[in-house]
Amino acid sequence: MRDIVFRGSAFDDFNAWSKADKHTFKRLVKLIEETRRNPYDGIGKPEPLKHQLAGCWSRRINVQHRMIYIVTDVAIEIISCKFHYK
């Protein structure tokens, strides 16, 4: 199973959810667990991104927010877990 790595401000985003919105935080934890098991399928409607974010994948946290991540051989690198594609 791949490791989870937070890049840039993604870990700050993750921690912010734990304080601001417990429901969204639980959803995000579930998405991360699912992504770790199967990076390209499952809950959150995973989709490959295009243009500047080519090579990244996205899953819906909720209507407004997305989790953006990169899949490598050894890790899931979470780039963002707040807002829409930035």
N, C-alpha and C. Protein backbone atom coordinates (compact mmCIF):
# COMPACT_ATOMS: atom_id res chain seq x y z
N MET A 1 0.85 -1.18 0.00
CA MET A 1 0.00 0.00 0.00
C MET A 1 0.89 1.25 0.00
N ARG A 2 0.46 2.26 -0.71
CA ARG A 2 1.25 3.49 -0.83
C ARG A 2 1.18 4.35 0.43
N ASP A 3 2.27 5.08 0.68
CA ASP A 3 2.30 6.05 1.78
C ASP A 3 1.49 7.29 1.39
N ILE A 4 1.07 8.05 2.38
CA ILE A 4 0.41 9.33 2.15
C ILE A 4 1.40 10.44 2.48
N VAL A 5 1.60 11.36 1.53
CA VAL A 5 2.52 12.47 1.70
C VAL A 5 1.75 13.76 1.41
N PHE A 6 1.85 14.73 2.30
CA PHE A 6 1.22 16.03 2.09
C PHE A 6 2.28 16.99 1.56
N ARG A 7 1.97 17.69 0.47
CA ARG A 7 2.90 18.66 -0.12
C ARG A 7 2.39 20.07 0.12
N GLY A 8 3.33 21.00 0.25
CA GLY A 8 2.97 22.41 0.39
C GLY A 8 2.05 22.64 1.58
N SER A 9 0.97 23.35 1.33
CA SER A 9 0.03 23.71 2.40
C SER A 9 -1.08 22.68 2.59
N ALA A 10 -0.98 21.53 1.93
CA ALA A 10 -2.05 20.53 2.01
C ALA A 10 -2.28 20.04 3.44
N PHE A 11 -1.21 19.87 4.22
CA PHE A 11 -1.39 19.41 5.59
C PHE A 11 -2.07 20.48 6.44
N ASP A 12 -1.76 21.75 6.17
CA ASP A 12 -2.45 22.85 6.86
C ASP A 12 -3.93 22.83 6.52
N ASP A 13 -4.26 22.59 5.24
CA ASP A 13 -5.66 22.47 4.82
C ASP A 13 -6.34 21.34 5.58
N PHE A 14 -5.67 20.18 5.63
CA PHE A 14 -6.19 19.00 6.31
C PHE A 14 -6.49 19.31 7.78
N ASN A 15 -5.54 19.93 8.46
CA ASN A 15 -5.74 20.29 9.87
C ASN A 15 -6.84 21.34 10.05
N ALA A 16 -6.96 22.26 9.11
CA ALA A 16 -8.01 23.28 9.19
C ALA A 16 -9.39 22.64 9.17
N TRP A 17 -9.56 21.60 8.35
CA TRP A 17 -10.85 20.91 8.30
C TRP A 17 -11.17 20.26 9.65
N SER A 18 -10.16 19.74 10.35
CA SER A 18 -10.42 19.08 11.63
C SER A 18 -11.00 20.05 12.65
N LYS A 19 -10.68 21.33 12.51
CA LYS A 19 -11.18 22.34 13.45
C LYS A 19 -12.45 23.02 12.94
N ALA A 20 -12.55 23.22 11.64
CA ALA A 20 -13.64 24.03 11.08
C ALA A 20 -14.92 23.24 10.81
N ASP A 21 -14.78 21.99 10.37
CA ASP A 21 -15.96 21.24 9.93
C ASP A 21 -15.70 19.75 10.09
N LYS A 22 -16.17 19.18 11.17
CA LYS A 22 -15.91 17.76 11.47
C LYS A 22 -16.47 16.83 10.40
N HIS A 23 -17.64 17.16 9.86
CA HIS A 23 -18.24 16.32 8.83
C HIS A 23 -17.34 16.27 7.58
N THR A 24 -16.89 17.42 7.14
CA THR A 24 -16.01 17.48 5.97
C THR A 24 -14.68 16.80 6.27
N PHE A 25 -14.17 16.96 7.48
CA PHE A 25 -12.92 16.31 7.87
C PHE A 25 -13.05 14.78 7.79
N LYS A 26 -14.16 14.24 8.31
CA LYS A 26 -14.38 12.79 8.24
C LYS A 26 -14.48 12.32 6.80
N ARG A 27 -15.14 13.09 5.96
CA ARG A 27 -15.25 12.76 4.54
C ARG A 27 -13.85 12.75 3.90
N LEU A 28 -13.03 13.72 4.23
CA LEU A 28 -11.68 13.81 3.68
C LEU A 28 -10.84 12.61 4.11
N VAL A 29 -10.93 12.23 5.38
CA VAL A 29 -10.19 11.06 5.87
C VAL A 29 -10.62 9.81 5.10
N LYS A 30 -11.93 9.67 4.88
CA LYS A 30 -12.45 8.53 4.13
C LYS A 30 -11.92 8.54 2.68
N LEU A 31 -11.88 9.72 2.07
CA LEU A 31 -11.35 9.84 0.70
C LEU A 31 -9.87 9.45 0.65
N ILE A 32 -9.11 9.88 1.63
CA ILE A 32 -7.68 9.54 1.66
C ILE A 32 -7.49 8.03 1.81
N GLU A 33 -8.26 7.40 2.69
CA GLU A 33 -8.18 5.95 2.86
C GLU A 33 -8.54 5.22 1.57
N GLU A 34 -9.61 5.66 0.91
CA GLU A 34 -10.04 5.05 -0.35
C GLU A 34 -8.99 5.25 -1.44
N THR A 35 -8.42 6.44 -1.49
CA THR A 35 -7.39 6.74 -2.50
C THR A 35 -6.17 5.88 -2.28
N ARG A 36 -5.83 5.65 -1.05
CA ARG A 36 -4.68 4.80 -0.74
C ARG A 36 -4.91 3.37 -1.24
N ARG A 37 -6.13 2.87 -1.10
CA ARG A 37 -6.46 1.52 -1.57
C ARG A 37 -6.56 1.45 -3.08
N ASN A 38 -7.22 2.46 -3.67
CA ASN A 38 -7.44 2.45 -5.12
C ASN A 38 -7.41 3.88 -5.63
N PRO A 39 -6.26 4.35 -6.12
CA PRO A 39 -6.10 5.76 -6.48
C PRO A 39 -6.95 6.23 -7.66
N TYR A 40 -7.41 5.31 -8.49
CA TYR A 40 -8.06 5.70 -9.74
C TYR A 40 -9.56 5.39 -9.79
N ASP A 41 -10.12 4.87 -8.70
CA ASP A 41 -11.52 4.47 -8.72
C ASP A 41 -12.09 4.62 -7.31
N GLY A 42 -13.41 4.63 -7.18
CA GLY A 42 -14.04 4.67 -5.87
C GLY A 42 -14.82 5.94 -5.62
N ILE A 43 -14.97 6.28 -4.35
CA ILE A 43 -15.80 7.42 -3.96
C ILE A 43 -15.14 8.74 -4.33
N GLY A 44 -15.95 9.78 -4.43
CA GLY A 44 -15.43 11.11 -4.73
C GLY A 44 -15.24 11.39 -6.21
N LYS A 45 -15.71 10.50 -7.05
CA LYS A 45 -15.60 10.66 -8.51
C LYS A 45 -14.18 11.03 -8.96
N PRO A 46 -13.22 10.13 -8.76
CA PRO A 46 -11.84 10.45 -9.17
C PRO A 46 -11.76 10.73 -10.66
N GLU A 47 -11.00 11.76 -11.01
CA GLU A 47 -10.82 12.08 -12.42
C GLU A 47 -9.42 12.65 -12.65
N PRO A 48 -8.82 12.27 -13.78
CA PRO A 48 -7.51 12.84 -14.12
C PRO A 48 -7.69 14.30 -14.53
N LEU A 49 -6.75 15.13 -14.13
CA LEU A 49 -6.83 16.55 -14.47
C LEU A 49 -6.04 16.85 -15.73
N LYS A 50 -6.31 18.00 -16.31
CA LYS A 50 -5.70 18.39 -17.58
C LYS A 50 -4.96 19.71 -17.43
N HIS A 51 -4.35 20.12 -18.52
CA HIS A 51 -3.68 21.41 -18.63
C HIS A 51 -2.56 21.55 -17.59
N GLN A 52 -2.57 22.62 -16.78
CA GLN A 52 -1.48 22.86 -15.83
C GLN A 52 -1.37 21.74 -14.78
N LEU A 53 -2.46 21.05 -14.54
CA LEU A 53 -2.47 20.00 -13.52
C LEU A 53 -2.44 18.60 -14.12
N ALA A 54 -2.01 18.48 -15.36
CA ALA A 54 -1.89 17.16 -16.00
C ALA A 54 -0.97 16.29 -15.15
N GLY A 55 -1.37 15.05 -14.95
CA GLY A 55 -0.62 14.14 -14.10
C GLY A 55 -1.20 14.04 -12.70
N CYS A 56 -2.06 14.99 -12.36
CA CYS A 56 -2.73 14.99 -11.05
C CYS A 56 -4.12 14.37 -11.19
N TRP A 57 -4.66 13.96 -10.07
CA TRP A 57 -6.02 13.45 -10.00
C TRP A 57 -6.81 14.28 -9.00
N SER A 58 -8.14 14.24 -9.13
CA SER A 58 -9.02 15.00 -8.25
C SER A 58 -10.13 14.09 -7.73
N ARG A 59 -10.53 14.32 -6.49
CA ARG A 59 -11.72 13.69 -5.91
C ARG A 59 -12.53 14.77 -5.21
N ARG A 60 -13.85 14.64 -5.28
CA ARG A 60 -14.74 15.61 -4.63
C ARG A 60 -14.79 15.37 -3.13
N ILE A 61 -14.49 16.41 -2.38
CA ILE A 61 -14.71 16.37 -0.94
C ILE A 61 -16.17 16.74 -0.69
N ASN A 62 -16.60 17.81 -1.34
CA ASN A 62 -18.00 18.24 -1.31
C ASN A 62 -18.23 19.08 -2.57
N VAL A 63 -19.33 19.78 -2.65
CA VAL A 63 -19.66 20.55 -3.85
C VAL A 63 -18.59 21.59 -4.17
N GLN A 64 -18.04 22.21 -3.15
CA GLN A 64 -17.11 23.32 -3.35
C GLN A 64 -15.64 22.89 -3.36
N HIS A 65 -15.28 21.86 -2.62
CA HIS A 65 -13.87 21.54 -2.38
C HIS A 65 -13.45 20.23 -3.04
N ARG A 66 -12.18 20.17 -3.45
CA ARG A 66 -11.60 18.99 -4.08
C ARG A 66 -10.29 18.62 -3.40
N MET A 67 -10.00 17.33 -3.41
CA MET A 67 -8.68 16.85 -3.00
C MET A 67 -7.90 16.58 -4.29
N ILE A 68 -6.75 17.22 -4.43
CA ILE A 68 -5.90 17.06 -5.60
C ILE A 68 -4.69 16.24 -5.18
N TYR A 69 -4.36 15.21 -5.97
CA TYR A 69 -3.25 14.34 -5.58
C TYR A 69 -2.51 13.80 -6.81
N ILE A 70 -1.29 13.35 -6.55
CA ILE A 70 -0.45 12.70 -7.55
C ILE A 70 -0.18 11.28 -7.06
N VAL A 71 -0.24 10.32 -7.97
CA VAL A 71 0.04 8.93 -7.63
C VAL A 71 1.44 8.58 -8.12
N THR A 72 2.29 8.08 -7.23
CA THR A 72 3.61 7.56 -7.61
C THR A 72 3.65 6.08 -7.26
N ASP A 73 4.75 5.43 -7.57
CA ASP A 73 4.88 4.00 -7.26
C ASP A 73 4.83 3.73 -5.76
N VAL A 74 5.27 4.68 -4.96
CA VAL A 74 5.38 4.44 -3.52
C VAL A 74 4.47 5.31 -2.65
N ALA A 75 3.84 6.34 -3.23
CA ALA A 75 3.08 7.27 -2.40
C ALA A 75 1.90 7.90 -3.14
N ILE A 76 0.97 8.38 -2.36
CA ILE A 76 -0.08 9.29 -2.81
C ILE A 76 0.34 10.64 -2.26
N GLU A 77 0.64 11.58 -3.15
CA GLU A 77 1.08 12.91 -2.73
C GLU A 77 -0.10 13.87 -2.83
N ILE A 78 -0.59 14.32 -1.69
CA ILE A 78 -1.73 15.22 -1.65
C ILE A 78 -1.22 16.64 -1.80
N ILE A 79 -1.71 17.30 -2.84
CA ILE A 79 -1.27 18.66 -3.16
C ILE A 79 -2.18 19.69 -2.52
N SER A 80 -3.48 19.39 -2.50
CA SER A 80 -4.45 20.34 -1.97
C SER A 80 -5.68 19.58 -1.49
N CYS A 81 -6.30 20.07 -0.44
CA CYS A 81 -7.56 19.47 0.00
C CYS A 81 -8.53 20.56 0.47
N LYS A 82 -8.45 21.68 -0.21
CA LYS A 82 -9.35 22.79 0.07
C LYS A 82 -9.54 23.59 -1.21
N PHE A 83 -10.71 24.07 -1.43
CA PHE A 83 -11.09 24.86 -2.60
C PHE A 83 -11.17 23.98 -3.85
N HIS A 84 -11.39 24.64 -4.95
CA HIS A 84 -11.42 23.97 -6.25
C HIS A 84 -10.05 24.16 -6.86
N TYR A 85 -9.77 23.55 -7.98
CA TYR A 85 -8.43 23.53 -8.58
C TYR A 85 -7.75 24.89 -8.50
N LYS A 86 -6.57 24.93 -7.80
CA LYS A 86 -5.83 26.18 -7.74
C LYS A 86 -4.49 26.05 -8.41
